[in-house]
mmCIF file of all heavy atoms, coordinates in Angstrom:
data_MODEL
# 
_entry.id   MODEL 
# 
loop_
_atom_site.group_PDB 
_atom_site.id 
_atom_site.type_symbol 
_atom_site.label_atom_id 
_atom_site.label_alt_id 
_atom_site.label_comp_id 
_atom_site.label_asym_id 
_atom_site.label_entity_id 
_atom_site.label_seq_id 
_atom_site.pdbx_PDB_ins_code 
_atom_site.Cartn_x 
_atom_site.Cartn_y 
_atom_site.Cartn_z 
_atom_site.occupancy 
_atom_site.B_iso_or_equiv 
_atom_site.pdbx_formal_charge 
_atom_site.auth_seq_id 
_atom_site.auth_comp_id 
_atom_site.auth_asym_id 
_atom_site.auth_atom_id 
_atom_site.pdbx_PDB_model_num 
ATOM 1   N N   . GLY A 1 1  ? 135.747 -117.859 -44.421 1.00 0.00 ? 1  GLY A N   1 
ATOM 2   C CA  . GLY A 1 1  ? 134.858 -118.782 -43.736 1.00 0.00 ? 1  GLY A CA  1 
ATOM 3   C C   . GLY A 1 1  ? 134.209 -119.791 -44.669 1.00 0.00 ? 1  GLY A C   1 
ATOM 4   O O   . GLY A 1 1  ? 133.143 -120.313 -44.383 1.00 0.00 ? 1  GLY A O   1 
ATOM 5   N N   . LEU A 1 2  ? 134.870 -120.078 -45.793 1.00 0.00 ? 2  LEU A N   1 
ATOM 6   C CA  . LEU A 1 2  ? 134.338 -121.021 -46.764 1.00 0.00 ? 2  LEU A CA  1 
ATOM 7   C C   . LEU A 1 2  ? 134.777 -122.436 -46.401 1.00 0.00 ? 2  LEU A C   1 
ATOM 8   O O   . LEU A 1 2  ? 135.706 -122.634 -45.620 1.00 0.00 ? 2  LEU A O   1 
ATOM 9   C CB  . LEU A 1 2  ? 134.833 -120.655 -48.168 1.00 0.00 ? 2  LEU A CB  1 
ATOM 10  C CG  . LEU A 1 2  ? 134.556 -119.213 -48.624 1.00 0.00 ? 2  LEU A CG  1 
ATOM 11  C CD1 . LEU A 1 2  ? 135.105 -118.991 -50.019 1.00 0.00 ? 2  LEU A CD1 1 
ATOM 12  C CD2 . LEU A 1 2  ? 133.080 -118.895 -48.566 1.00 0.00 ? 2  LEU A CD2 1 
ATOM 13  N N   . LEU A 1 3  ? 134.115 -123.416 -46.969 1.00 0.00 ? 3  LEU A N   1 
ATOM 14  C CA  . LEU A 1 3  ? 134.482 -124.808 -46.733 1.00 0.00 ? 3  LEU A CA  1 
ATOM 15  C C   . LEU A 1 3  ? 135.739 -125.161 -47.518 1.00 0.00 ? 3  LEU A C   1 
ATOM 16  O O   . LEU A 1 3  ? 135.909 -124.714 -48.654 1.00 0.00 ? 3  LEU A O   1 
ATOM 17  C CB  . LEU A 1 3  ? 133.339 -125.732 -47.175 1.00 0.00 ? 3  LEU A CB  1 
ATOM 18  C CG  . LEU A 1 3  ? 132.018 -125.555 -46.434 1.00 0.00 ? 3  LEU A CG  1 
ATOM 19  C CD1 . LEU A 1 3  ? 130.948 -126.436 -47.066 1.00 0.00 ? 3  LEU A CD1 1 
ATOM 20  C CD2 . LEU A 1 3  ? 132.175 -125.872 -44.967 1.00 0.00 ? 3  LEU A CD2 1 
ATOM 21  N N   . SER A 1 4  ? 136.596 -125.981 -46.941 1.00 0.00 ? 4  SER A N   1 
ATOM 22  C CA  . SER A 1 4  ? 137.829 -126.346 -47.630 1.00 0.00 ? 4  SER A CA  1 
ATOM 23  C C   . SER A 1 4  ? 137.550 -127.345 -48.747 1.00 0.00 ? 4  SER A C   1 
ATOM 24  O O   . SER A 1 4  ? 136.668 -128.188 -48.641 1.00 0.00 ? 4  SER A O   1 
ATOM 25  C CB  . SER A 1 4  ? 138.847 -126.925 -46.653 1.00 0.00 ? 4  SER A CB  1 
ATOM 26  O OG  . SER A 1 4  ? 138.448 -128.209 -46.246 1.00 0.00 ? 4  SER A OG  1 
ATOM 27  N N   . GLY A 1 5  ? 138.304 -127.207 -49.836 1.00 0.00 ? 5  GLY A N   1 
ATOM 28  C CA  . GLY A 1 5  ? 138.206 -128.125 -50.956 1.00 0.00 ? 5  GLY A CA  1 
ATOM 29  C C   . GLY A 1 5  ? 136.887 -128.059 -51.697 1.00 0.00 ? 5  GLY A C   1 
ATOM 30  O O   . GLY A 1 5  ? 136.563 -128.963 -52.451 1.00 0.00 ? 5  GLY A O   1 
ATOM 31  N N   . ALA A 1 6  ? 136.123 -126.997 -51.501 1.00 0.00 ? 6  ALA A N   1 
ATOM 32  C CA  . ALA A 1 6  ? 134.805 -126.879 -52.128 1.00 0.00 ? 6  ALA A CA  1 
ATOM 33  C C   . ALA A 1 6  ? 134.843 -125.857 -53.264 1.00 0.00 ? 6  ALA A C   1 
ATOM 34  O O   . ALA A 1 6  ? 135.654 -124.942 -53.261 1.00 0.00 ? 6  ALA A O   1 
ATOM 35  C CB  . ALA A 1 6  ? 133.771 -126.454 -51.092 1.00 0.00 ? 6  ALA A CB  1 
ATOM 36  N N   . GLU A 1 7  ? 133.927 -126.018 -54.235 1.00 0.00 ? 7  GLU A N   1 
ATOM 37  C CA  . GLU A 1 7  ? 133.842 -125.105 -55.372 1.00 0.00 ? 7  GLU A CA  1 
ATOM 38  C C   . GLU A 1 7  ? 132.738 -124.079 -55.115 1.00 0.00 ? 7  GLU A C   1 
ATOM 39  O O   . GLU A 1 7  ? 131.632 -124.437 -54.717 1.00 0.00 ? 7  GLU A O   1 
ATOM 40  C CB  . GLU A 1 7  ? 133.551 -125.859 -56.660 1.00 0.00 ? 7  GLU A CB  1 
ATOM 41  C CG  . GLU A 1 7  ? 133.543 -124.965 -57.881 1.00 0.00 ? 7  GLU A CG  1 
ATOM 42  C CD  . GLU A 1 7  ? 133.235 -125.722 -59.166 1.00 0.00 ? 7  GLU A CD  1 
ATOM 43  O OE1 . GLU A 1 7  ? 132.650 -126.821 -59.095 1.00 0.00 ? 7  GLU A OE1 1 
ATOM 44  O OE2 . GLU A 1 7  ? 133.567 -125.200 -60.237 1.00 0.00 ? 7  GLU A OE2 1 
ATOM 45  N N   . TYR A 1 8  ? 133.074 -122.814 -55.354 1.00 0.00 ? 8  TYR A N   1 
ATOM 46  C CA  . TYR A 1 8  ? 132.131 -121.720 -55.149 1.00 0.00 ? 8  TYR A CA  1 
ATOM 47  C C   . TYR A 1 8  ? 131.895 -120.970 -56.453 1.00 0.00 ? 8  TYR A C   1 
ATOM 48  O O   . TYR A 1 8  ? 132.801 -120.854 -57.279 1.00 0.00 ? 8  TYR A O   1 
ATOM 49  C CB  . TYR A 1 8  ? 132.665 -120.734 -54.105 1.00 0.00 ? 8  TYR A CB  1 
ATOM 50  C CG  . TYR A 1 8  ? 132.532 -121.259 -52.704 1.00 0.00 ? 8  TYR A CG  1 
ATOM 51  C CD1 . TYR A 1 8  ? 133.494 -122.096 -52.161 1.00 0.00 ? 8  TYR A CD1 1 
ATOM 52  C CD2 . TYR A 1 8  ? 131.425 -120.944 -51.936 1.00 0.00 ? 8  TYR A CD2 1 
ATOM 53  C CE1 . TYR A 1 8  ? 133.360 -122.599 -50.883 1.00 0.00 ? 8  TYR A CE1 1 
ATOM 54  C CE2 . TYR A 1 8  ? 131.282 -121.439 -50.658 1.00 0.00 ? 8  TYR A CE2 1 
ATOM 55  C CZ  . TYR A 1 8  ? 132.252 -122.258 -50.132 1.00 0.00 ? 8  TYR A CZ  1 
ATOM 56  O OH  . TYR A 1 8  ? 132.112 -122.764 -48.868 1.00 0.00 ? 8  TYR A OH  1 
ATOM 57  N N   . ASN A 1 9  ? 130.687 -120.445 -56.615 1.00 0.00 ? 9  ASN A N   1 
ATOM 58  C CA  . ASN A 1 9  ? 130.354 -119.555 -57.719 1.00 0.00 ? 9  ASN A CA  1 
ATOM 59  C C   . ASN A 1 9  ? 130.280 -118.141 -57.146 1.00 0.00 ? 9  ASN A C   1 
ATOM 60  O O   . ASN A 1 9  ? 129.605 -117.916 -56.137 1.00 0.00 ? 9  ASN A O   1 
ATOM 61  C CB  . ASN A 1 9  ? 129.019 -119.941 -58.348 1.00 0.00 ? 9  ASN A CB  1 
ATOM 62  C CG  . ASN A 1 9  ? 128.712 -119.104 -59.560 1.00 0.00 ? 9  ASN A CG  1 
ATOM 63  O OD1 . ASN A 1 9  ? 129.586 -118.866 -60.382 1.00 0.00 ? 9  ASN A OD1 1 
ATOM 64  N ND2 . ASN A 1 9  ? 127.488 -118.648 -59.678 1.00 0.00 ? 9  ASN A ND2 1 
ATOM 65  N N   . VAL A 1 10 ? 130.989 -117.196 -57.764 1.00 0.00 ? 10 VAL A N   1 
ATOM 66  C CA  . VAL A 1 10 ? 131.017 -115.804 -57.304 1.00 0.00 ? 10 VAL A CA  1 
ATOM 67  C C   . VAL A 1 10 ? 130.538 -114.923 -58.445 1.00 0.00 ? 10 VAL A C   1 
ATOM 68  O O   . VAL A 1 10 ? 131.003 -115.061 -59.581 1.00 0.00 ? 10 VAL A O   1 
ATOM 69  C CB  . VAL A 1 10 ? 132.447 -115.382 -56.892 1.00 0.00 ? 10 VAL A CB  1 
ATOM 70  C CG1 . VAL A 1 10 ? 132.453 -113.935 -56.412 1.00 0.00 ? 10 VAL A CG1 1 
ATOM 71  C CG2 . VAL A 1 10 ? 132.995 -116.310 -55.829 1.00 0.00 ? 10 VAL A CG2 1 
ATOM 72  N N   . SER A 1 11 ? 129.617 -113.998 -58.141 1.00 0.00 ? 11 SER A N   1 
ATOM 73  C CA  . SER A 1 11 ? 129.119 -113.049 -59.131 1.00 0.00 ? 11 SER A CA  1 
ATOM 74  C C   . SER A 1 11 ? 129.278 -111.636 -58.600 1.00 0.00 ? 11 SER A C   1 
ATOM 75  O O   . SER A 1 11 ? 129.066 -111.392 -57.408 1.00 0.00 ? 11 SER A O   1 
ATOM 76  C CB  . SER A 1 11 ? 127.637 -113.294 -59.433 1.00 0.00 ? 11 SER A CB  1 
ATOM 77  O OG  . SER A 1 11 ? 127.448 -114.577 -59.961 1.00 0.00 ? 11 SER A OG  1 
ATOM 78  N N   . VAL A 1 12 ? 129.661 -110.712 -59.492 1.00 0.00 ? 12 VAL A N   1 
ATOM 79  C CA  . VAL A 1 12 ? 129.862 -109.318 -59.113 1.00 0.00 ? 12 VAL A CA  1 
ATOM 80  C C   . VAL A 1 12 ? 129.057 -108.439 -60.058 1.00 0.00 ? 12 VAL A C   1 
ATOM 81  O O   . VAL A 1 12 ? 129.071 -108.647 -61.274 1.00 0.00 ? 12 VAL A O   1 
ATOM 82  C CB  . VAL A 1 12 ? 131.359 -108.931 -59.182 1.00 0.00 ? 12 VAL A CB  1 
ATOM 83  C CG1 . VAL A 1 12 ? 131.558 -107.462 -58.828 1.00 0.00 ? 12 VAL A CG1 1 
ATOM 84  C CG2 . VAL A 1 12 ? 132.185 -109.823 -58.275 1.00 0.00 ? 12 VAL A CG2 1 
ATOM 85  N N   . ARG A 1 13 ? 128.375 -107.440 -59.499 1.00 0.00 ? 13 ARG A N   1 
ATOM 86  C CA  . ARG A 1 13 ? 127.590 -106.494 -60.286 1.00 0.00 ? 13 ARG A CA  1 
ATOM 87  C C   . ARG A 1 13 ? 127.944 -105.079 -59.821 1.00 0.00 ? 13 ARG A C   1 
ATOM 88  O O   . ARG A 1 13 ? 127.979 -104.805 -58.628 1.00 0.00 ? 13 ARG A O   1 
ATOM 89  C CB  . ARG A 1 13 ? 126.103 -106.751 -60.075 1.00 0.00 ? 13 ARG A CB  1 
ATOM 90  C CG  . ARG A 1 13 ? 125.199 -105.806 -60.828 1.00 0.00 ? 13 ARG A CG  1 
ATOM 91  C CD  . ARG A 1 13 ? 123.742 -105.985 -60.442 1.00 0.00 ? 13 ARG A CD  1 
ATOM 92  N NE  . ARG A 1 13 ? 123.331 -107.361 -60.519 1.00 0.00 ? 13 ARG A NE  1 
ATOM 93  C CZ  . ARG A 1 13 ? 122.498 -107.848 -61.439 1.00 0.00 ? 13 ARG A CZ  1 
ATOM 94  N NH1 . ARG A 1 13 ? 121.989 -107.071 -62.347 1.00 0.00 ? 13 ARG A NH1 1 
ATOM 95  N NH2 . ARG A 1 13 ? 122.171 -109.120 -61.435 1.00 0.00 ? 13 ARG A NH2 1 
ATOM 96  N N   . ALA A 1 14 ? 128.198 -104.184 -60.777 1.00 0.00 ? 14 ALA A N   1 
ATOM 97  C CA  . ALA A 1 14 ? 128.481 -102.784 -60.469 1.00 0.00 ? 14 ALA A CA  1 
ATOM 98  C C   . ALA A 1 14 ? 127.171 -102.052 -60.205 1.00 0.00 ? 14 ALA A C   1 
ATOM 99  O O   . ALA A 1 14 ? 126.153 -102.324 -60.856 1.00 0.00 ? 14 ALA A O   1 
ATOM 100 C CB  . ALA A 1 14 ? 129.224 -102.129 -61.623 1.00 0.00 ? 14 ALA A CB  1 
ATOM 101 N N   . ILE A 1 15 ? 127.193 -101.115 -59.256 1.00 0.00 ? 15 ILE A N   1 
ATOM 102 C CA  . ILE A 1 15 ? 126.000 -100.352 -58.909 1.00 0.00 ? 15 ILE A CA  1 
ATOM 103 C C   . ILE A 1 15 ? 126.323 -98.861  -59.002 1.00 0.00 ? 15 ILE A C   1 
ATOM 104 O O   . ILE A 1 15 ? 127.343 -98.408  -58.488 1.00 0.00 ? 15 ILE A O   1 
ATOM 105 C CB  . ILE A 1 15 ? 125.545 -100.684 -57.475 1.00 0.00 ? 15 ILE A CB  1 
ATOM 106 C CG1 . ILE A 1 15 ? 125.234 -102.173 -57.357 1.00 0.00 ? 15 ILE A CG1 1 
ATOM 107 C CG2 . ILE A 1 15 ? 124.350 -99.834  -57.077 1.00 0.00 ? 15 ILE A CG2 1 
ATOM 108 C CD1 . ILE A 1 15 ? 125.007 -102.629 -55.947 1.00 0.00 ? 15 ILE A CD1 1 
ATOM 109 N N   . THR A 1 16 ? 125.432 -98.099  -59.660 1.00 0.00 ? 16 THR A N   1 
ATOM 110 C CA  . THR A 1 16 ? 125.512 -96.634  -59.661 1.00 0.00 ? 16 THR A CA  1 
ATOM 111 C C   . THR A 1 16 ? 124.282 -96.122  -58.933 1.00 0.00 ? 16 THR A C   1 
ATOM 112 O O   . THR A 1 16 ? 123.453 -96.899  -58.458 1.00 0.00 ? 16 THR A O   1 
ATOM 113 C CB  . THR A 1 16 ? 125.538 -96.066  -61.100 1.00 0.00 ? 16 THR A CB  1 
ATOM 114 O OG1 . THR A 1 16 ? 124.250 -96.250  -61.676 1.00 0.00 ? 16 THR A OG1 1 
ATOM 115 C CG2 . THR A 1 16 ? 126.606 -96.722  -61.946 1.00 0.00 ? 16 THR A CG2 1 
ATOM 116 N N   . THR A 1 17 ? 124.122 -94.801  -58.848 1.00 0.00 ? 17 THR A N   1 
ATOM 117 C CA  . THR A 1 17 ? 122.950 -94.255  -58.163 1.00 0.00 ? 17 THR A CA  1 
ATOM 118 C C   . THR A 1 17 ? 121.669 -94.533  -58.930 1.00 0.00 ? 17 THR A C   1 
ATOM 119 O O   . THR A 1 17 ? 120.594 -94.500  -58.363 1.00 0.00 ? 17 THR A O   1 
ATOM 120 C CB  . THR A 1 17 ? 123.104 -92.735  -57.968 1.00 0.00 ? 17 THR A CB  1 
ATOM 121 O OG1 . THR A 1 17 ? 123.342 -92.140  -59.242 1.00 0.00 ? 17 THR A OG1 1 
ATOM 122 C CG2 . THR A 1 17 ? 124.219 -92.419  -57.014 1.00 0.00 ? 17 THR A CG2 1 
ATOM 123 N N   . ALA A 1 18 ? 121.734 -94.797  -60.220 1.00 0.00 ? 18 ALA A N   1 
ATOM 124 C CA  . ALA A 1 18 ? 120.526 -94.975  -61.018 1.00 0.00 ? 18 ALA A CA  1 
ATOM 125 C C   . ALA A 1 18 ? 120.459 -96.294  -61.778 1.00 0.00 ? 18 ALA A C   1 
ATOM 126 O O   . ALA A 1 18 ? 119.487 -96.549  -62.460 1.00 0.00 ? 18 ALA A O   1 
ATOM 127 C CB  . ALA A 1 18 ? 120.421 -93.826  -62.021 1.00 0.00 ? 18 ALA A CB  1 
ATOM 128 N N   . PHE A 1 19 ? 121.482 -97.175  -61.654 1.00 0.00 ? 19 PHE A N   1 
ATOM 129 C CA  . PHE A 1 19 ? 121.520 -98.323  -62.553 1.00 0.00 ? 19 PHE A CA  1 
ATOM 130 C C   . PHE A 1 19 ? 122.371 -99.426  -61.937 1.00 0.00 ? 19 PHE A C   1 
ATOM 131 O O   . PHE A 1 19 ? 123.335 -99.164  -61.231 1.00 0.00 ? 19 PHE A O   1 
ATOM 132 C CB  . PHE A 1 19 ? 122.128 -97.870  -63.893 1.00 0.00 ? 19 PHE A CB  1 
ATOM 133 C CG  . PHE A 1 19 ? 122.152 -98.926  -64.951 1.00 0.00 ? 19 PHE A CG  1 
ATOM 134 C CD1 . PHE A 1 19 ? 121.009 -99.282  -65.624 1.00 0.00 ? 19 PHE A CD1 1 
ATOM 135 C CD2 . PHE A 1 19 ? 123.342 -99.567  -65.274 1.00 0.00 ? 19 PHE A CD2 1 
ATOM 136 C CE1 . PHE A 1 19 ? 121.028 -100.258 -66.608 1.00 0.00 ? 19 PHE A CE1 1 
ATOM 137 C CE2 . PHE A 1 19 ? 123.378 -100.538 -66.248 1.00 0.00 ? 19 PHE A CE2 1 
ATOM 138 C CZ  . PHE A 1 19 ? 122.214 -100.877 -66.925 1.00 0.00 ? 19 PHE A CZ  1 
ATOM 139 N N   . GLN A 1 20 ? 122.012 -100.663 -62.217 1.00 0.00 ? 20 GLN A N   1 
ATOM 140 C CA  . GLN A 1 20 ? 122.863 -101.797 -61.879 1.00 0.00 ? 20 GLN A CA  1 
ATOM 141 C C   . GLN A 1 20 ? 123.396 -102.392 -63.162 1.00 0.00 ? 20 GLN A C   1 
ATOM 142 O O   . GLN A 1 20 ? 122.638 -102.620 -64.102 1.00 0.00 ? 20 GLN A O   1 
ATOM 143 C CB  . GLN A 1 20 ? 122.078 -102.866 -61.126 1.00 0.00 ? 20 GLN A CB  1 
ATOM 144 C CG  . GLN A 1 20 ? 121.737 -102.480 -59.722 1.00 0.00 ? 20 GLN A CG  1 
ATOM 145 C CD  . GLN A 1 20 ? 121.183 -103.657 -58.942 1.00 0.00 ? 20 GLN A CD  1 
ATOM 146 O OE1 . GLN A 1 20 ? 121.016 -104.742 -59.474 1.00 0.00 ? 20 GLN A OE1 1 
ATOM 147 N NE2 . GLN A 1 20 ? 120.909 -103.432 -57.680 1.00 0.00 ? 20 GLN A NE2 1 
ATOM 148 N N   . GLY A 1 21 ? 124.693 -102.616 -63.211 1.00 0.00 ? 21 GLY A N   1 
ATOM 149 C CA  . GLY A 1 21 ? 125.323 -103.165 -64.412 1.00 0.00 ? 21 GLY A CA  1 
ATOM 150 C C   . GLY A 1 21 ? 125.091 -104.653 -64.546 1.00 0.00 ? 21 GLY A C   1 
ATOM 151 O O   . GLY A 1 21 ? 124.459 -105.297 -63.716 1.00 0.00 ? 21 GLY A O   1 
ATOM 152 N N   . SER A 1 22 ? 125.623 -105.217 -65.616 1.00 0.00 ? 22 SER A N   1 
ATOM 153 C CA  . SER A 1 22 ? 125.491 -106.651 -65.851 1.00 0.00 ? 22 SER A CA  1 
ATOM 154 C C   . SER A 1 22 ? 126.390 -107.423 -64.881 1.00 0.00 ? 22 SER A C   1 
ATOM 155 O O   . SER A 1 22 ? 127.340 -106.889 -64.331 1.00 0.00 ? 22 SER A O   1 
ATOM 156 C CB  . SER A 1 22 ? 125.850 -106.977 -67.298 1.00 0.00 ? 22 SER A CB  1 
ATOM 157 O OG  . SER A 1 22 ? 127.173 -106.590 -67.559 1.00 0.00 ? 22 SER A OG  1 
ATOM 158 N N   . VAL A 1 23 ? 126.077 -108.679 -64.703 1.00 0.00 ? 23 VAL A N   1 
ATOM 159 C CA  . VAL A 1 23 ? 126.784 -109.523 -63.744 1.00 0.00 ? 23 VAL A CA  1 
ATOM 160 C C   . VAL A 1 23 ? 127.959 -110.214 -64.421 1.00 0.00 ? 23 VAL A C   1 
ATOM 161 O O   . VAL A 1 23 ? 127.852 -110.676 -65.545 1.00 0.00 ? 23 VAL A O   1 
ATOM 162 C CB  . VAL A 1 23 ? 125.824 -110.588 -63.168 1.00 0.00 ? 23 VAL A CB  1 
ATOM 163 C CG1 . VAL A 1 23 ? 126.571 -111.585 -62.309 1.00 0.00 ? 23 VAL A CG1 1 
ATOM 164 C CG2 . VAL A 1 23 ? 124.717 -109.929 -62.372 1.00 0.00 ? 23 VAL A CG2 1 
ATOM 165 N N   . SER A 1 24 ? 129.084 -110.287 -63.714 1.00 0.00 ? 24 SER A N   1 
ATOM 166 C CA  . SER A 1 24 ? 130.225 -111.103 -64.130 1.00 0.00 ? 24 SER A CA  1 
ATOM 167 C C   . SER A 1 24 ? 130.410 -112.178 -63.076 1.00 0.00 ? 24 SER A C   1 
ATOM 168 O O   . SER A 1 24 ? 130.300 -111.899 -61.885 1.00 0.00 ? 24 SER A O   1 
ATOM 169 C CB  . SER A 1 24 ? 131.493 -110.258 -64.244 1.00 0.00 ? 24 SER A CB  1 
ATOM 170 O OG  . SER A 1 24 ? 131.403 -109.384 -65.324 1.00 0.00 ? 24 SER A OG  1 
ATOM 171 N N   . SER A 1 25 ? 130.696 -113.402 -63.506 1.00 0.00 ? 25 SER A N   1 
ATOM 172 C CA  . SER A 1 25 ? 130.787 -114.513 -62.563 1.00 0.00 ? 25 SER A CA  1 
ATOM 173 C C   . SER A 1 25 ? 132.049 -115.328 -62.788 1.00 0.00 ? 25 SER A C   1 
ATOM 174 O O   . SER A 1 25 ? 132.634 -115.297 -63.867 1.00 0.00 ? 25 SER A O   1 
ATOM 175 C CB  . SER A 1 25 ? 129.578 -115.445 -62.725 1.00 0.00 ? 25 SER A CB  1 
ATOM 176 O OG  . SER A 1 25 ? 128.389 -114.779 -62.461 1.00 0.00 ? 25 SER A OG  1 
ATOM 177 N N   . LEU A 1 26 ? 132.437 -116.067 -61.763 1.00 0.00 ? 26 LEU A N   1 
ATOM 178 C CA  . LEU A 1 26 ? 133.535 -117.030 -61.864 1.00 0.00 ? 26 LEU A CA  1 
ATOM 179 C C   . LEU A 1 26 ? 133.266 -118.162 -60.897 1.00 0.00 ? 26 LEU A C   1 
ATOM 180 O O   . LEU A 1 26 ? 132.446 -118.039 -59.992 1.00 0.00 ? 26 LEU A O   1 
ATOM 181 C CB  . LEU A 1 26 ? 134.889 -116.374 -61.594 1.00 0.00 ? 26 LEU A CB  1 
ATOM 182 C CG  . LEU A 1 26 ? 135.175 -115.741 -60.227 1.00 0.00 ? 26 LEU A CG  1 
ATOM 183 C CD1 . LEU A 1 26 ? 135.517 -116.778 -59.175 1.00 0.00 ? 26 LEU A CD1 1 
ATOM 184 C CD2 . LEU A 1 26 ? 136.331 -114.782 -60.366 1.00 0.00 ? 26 LEU A CD2 1 
ATOM 185 N N   . LYS A 1 27 ? 133.963 -119.275 -61.097 1.00 0.00 ? 27 LYS A N   1 
ATOM 186 C CA  . LYS A 1 27 ? 133.898 -120.413 -60.186 1.00 0.00 ? 27 LYS A CA  1 
ATOM 187 C C   . LYS A 1 27 ? 135.295 -120.643 -59.641 1.00 0.00 ? 27 LYS A C   1 
ATOM 188 O O   . LYS A 1 27 ? 136.273 -120.565 -60.377 1.00 0.00 ? 27 LYS A O   1 
ATOM 189 C CB  . LYS A 1 27 ? 133.404 -121.659 -60.908 1.00 0.00 ? 27 LYS A CB  1 
ATOM 190 C CG  . LYS A 1 27 ? 131.974 -121.543 -61.353 1.00 0.00 ? 27 LYS A CG  1 
ATOM 191 C CD  . LYS A 1 27 ? 131.544 -122.766 -62.119 1.00 0.00 ? 27 LYS A CD  1 
ATOM 192 C CE  . LYS A 1 27 ? 130.132 -122.553 -62.621 1.00 0.00 ? 27 LYS A CE  1 
ATOM 193 N NZ  . LYS A 1 27 ? 129.723 -123.610 -63.535 1.00 0.00 ? 27 LYS A NZ  1 
ATOM 194 N N   . GLN A 1 28 ? 135.389 -120.925 -58.334 1.00 0.00 ? 28 GLN A N   1 
ATOM 195 C CA  . GLN A 1 28 ? 136.690 -121.107 -57.707 1.00 0.00 ? 28 GLN A CA  1 
ATOM 196 C C   . GLN A 1 28 ? 136.588 -122.117 -56.580 1.00 0.00 ? 28 GLN A C   1 
ATOM 197 O O   . GLN A 1 28 ? 135.644 -122.098 -55.808 1.00 0.00 ? 28 GLN A O   1 
ATOM 198 C CB  . GLN A 1 28 ? 137.196 -119.774 -57.146 1.00 0.00 ? 28 GLN A CB  1 
ATOM 199 C CG  . GLN A 1 28 ? 138.518 -119.867 -56.415 1.00 0.00 ? 28 GLN A CG  1 
ATOM 200 C CD  . GLN A 1 28 ? 139.655 -120.328 -57.306 1.00 0.00 ? 28 GLN A CD  1 
ATOM 201 O OE1 . GLN A 1 28 ? 139.769 -119.858 -58.420 1.00 0.00 ? 28 GLN A OE1 1 
ATOM 202 N NE2 . GLN A 1 28 ? 140.487 -121.225 -56.821 1.00 0.00 ? 28 GLN A NE2 1 
ATOM 203 N N   . TYR A 1 29 ? 137.588 -122.993 -56.480 1.00 0.00 ? 29 TYR A N   1 
ATOM 204 C CA  . TYR A 1 29 ? 137.706 -123.930 -55.369 1.00 0.00 ? 29 TYR A CA  1 
ATOM 205 C C   . TYR A 1 29 ? 138.565 -123.309 -54.277 1.00 0.00 ? 29 TYR A C   1 
ATOM 206 O O   . TYR A 1 29 ? 139.449 -122.489 -54.555 1.00 0.00 ? 29 TYR A O   1 
ATOM 207 C CB  . TYR A 1 29 ? 138.415 -125.218 -55.813 1.00 0.00 ? 29 TYR A CB  1 
ATOM 208 C CG  . TYR A 1 29 ? 137.547 -126.177 -56.568 1.00 0.00 ? 29 TYR A CG  1 
ATOM 209 C CD1 . TYR A 1 29 ? 137.476 -126.141 -57.954 1.00 0.00 ? 29 TYR A CD1 1 
ATOM 210 C CD2 . TYR A 1 29 ? 136.813 -127.143 -55.893 1.00 0.00 ? 29 TYR A CD2 1 
ATOM 211 C CE1 . TYR A 1 29 ? 136.686 -127.040 -58.647 1.00 0.00 ? 29 TYR A CE1 1 
ATOM 212 C CE2 . TYR A 1 29 ? 136.021 -128.053 -56.582 1.00 0.00 ? 29 TYR A CE2 1 
ATOM 213 C CZ  . TYR A 1 29 ? 135.963 -127.996 -57.958 1.00 0.00 ? 29 TYR A CZ  1 
ATOM 214 O OH  . TYR A 1 29 ? 135.189 -128.883 -58.637 1.00 0.00 ? 29 TYR A OH  1 
# 
């Protein structure tokens, strides 16, 4: 459901029961 021809920033973070990991990101059209 994203816009066509547009650039997006995506970030992912791992989650455990006691901790959130560092964020990894990318940009994609």
